[in-house]
Amino acid sequence: MYTRRRRRYFVLMGGCIALFVSAWAFVRLWSVPVAIGMCVVAMVIPPVAAMIANARGPDDRWWDDPSGDPKSDEWWDELDGKKKPPK
């Protein structure tokens, strides 16, 4: 799960850098307004990448590591639906 989130983040940030660099290295020679538009899109990508990278998946806990307290871990498993409550 962590690797998948990290990969998505780096792909988005790589796209951001590619947009920015290509806007001012190549596109500005043909159209400055398009280059500015590309930079505006590149400006929006980092906050979106941070939200995607920090999004909790359906199977993730809020904290990745178990607490070490068996009673607390049991309680969290019950809340997450991983373990049925005792009858």
Protein backbone atom coordinates (compact mmCIF):
# COMPACT_ATOMS: atom_id res chain seq x y z
CA MET A 1 0.00 0.00 0.00
CA TYR A 2 2.78 2.45 0.88
CA THR A 3 4.70 1.67 -2.31
CA ARG A 4 1.60 2.25 -4.44
CA ARG A 5 0.91 5.62 -2.82
CA ARG A 6 4.54 6.67 -3.15
CA ARG A 7 4.62 5.66 -6.81
CA ARG A 8 1.47 7.70 -7.55
CA TYR A 9 3.00 10.70 -5.79
CA PHE A 10 6.24 10.53 -7.78
CA VAL A 11 4.39 10.06 -11.08
CA LEU A 12 2.27 13.14 -10.38
CA MET A 13 5.25 15.21 -9.30
CA GLY A 14 7.25 14.04 -12.33
CA GLY A 15 4.36 15.18 -14.52
CA CYS A 16 4.37 18.52 -12.72
CA ILE A 17 8.06 19.05 -13.39
CA ALA A 18 7.68 17.89 -17.01
CA LEU A 19 4.83 20.37 -17.57
CA PHE A 20 6.76 23.25 -16.05
CA VAL A 21 10.02 22.57 -17.87
CA SER A 22 8.39 21.91 -21.24
CA ALA A 23 6.19 25.00 -20.88
CA TRP A 24 9.16 27.35 -20.63
CA ALA A 25 11.67 25.39 -22.73
CA PHE A 26 9.53 24.60 -25.80
CA VAL A 27 5.92 25.73 -25.67
CA ARG A 28 6.65 29.40 -24.99
CA LEU A 29 8.30 29.64 -28.40
CA TRP A 30 4.92 28.98 -30.04
CA SER A 31 2.42 30.32 -27.51
CA VAL A 32 3.05 32.15 -24.25
CA PRO A 33 -0.61 31.87 -23.08
CA VAL A 34 -0.48 28.07 -23.49
CA ALA A 35 2.81 27.99 -21.54
CA ILE A 36 1.19 30.02 -18.75
CA GLY A 37 -1.78 27.64 -18.76
CA MET A 38 0.57 24.68 -18.46
CA CYS A 39 2.24 26.33 -15.48
CA VAL A 40 -1.15 26.90 -13.84
CA VAL A 41 -1.95 23.20 -14.26
CA ALA A 42 1.52 22.33 -12.88
CA MET A 43 0.81 24.60 -9.91
CA VAL A 44 -2.34 22.61 -9.01
CA ILE A 45 -0.68 19.19 -9.18
CA PRO A 46 1.46 19.27 -5.94
CA PRO A 47 -1.48 19.69 -3.51
CA VAL A 48 -3.44 17.01 -5.38
CA ALA A 49 -0.39 14.70 -5.28
CA ALA A 50 -0.09 15.23 -1.52
CA MET A 51 -3.76 14.41 -1.00
CA ILE A 52 -3.50 11.26 -3.12
CA ALA A 53 -0.27 10.15 -1.42
CA ASN A 54 -1.78 10.59 2.05
CA ALA A 55 -5.20 9.09 1.29
CA ARG A 56 -6.09 6.15 3.48
CA GLY A 57 -7.02 3.00 1.61
CA PRO A 58 -10.02 0.88 2.57
CA ASP A 59 -7.83 -1.69 4.35
CA ASP A 60 -5.47 0.80 6.02
CA ARG A 61 -5.60 1.80 9.65
CA TRP A 62 -5.09 5.38 10.66
CA TRP A 63 -1.75 4.27 12.11
CA ASP A 64 0.29 1.80 10.10
CA ASP A 65 1.97 0.08 13.04
CA PRO A 66 0.10 -1.92 15.67
CA SER A 67 0.17 -0.34 19.09
CA GLY A 68 1.68 -3.36 20.83
CA ASP A 69 -1.18 -3.49 23.32
CA PRO A 70 -3.16 -6.68 22.56
CA LYS A 71 -6.39 -5.29 24.03
CA SER A 72 -6.13 -2.10 21.95
CA ASP A 73 -5.24 -4.00 18.77
CA GLU A 74 -8.20 -6.32 19.35
CA TRP A 75 -10.47 -3.31 19.76
CA TRP A 76 -9.18 -1.70 16.54
CA ASP A 77 -9.60 -4.98 14.63
CA GLU A 78 -13.20 -5.10 15.82
CA LEU A 79 -13.79 -1.49 14.71
CA ASP A 80 -12.16 -2.12 11.33
CA GLY A 81 -14.41 -5.12 10.79
CA LYS A 82 -11.48 -7.52 10.63
CA LYS A 83 -12.72 -9.50 13.59
CA LYS A 84 -16.26 -10.31 14.66
CA PRO A 85 -17.23 -9.14 18.15
CA PRO A 86 -17.57 -11.96 20.72
CA LYS A 87 -21.13 -13.06 21.49
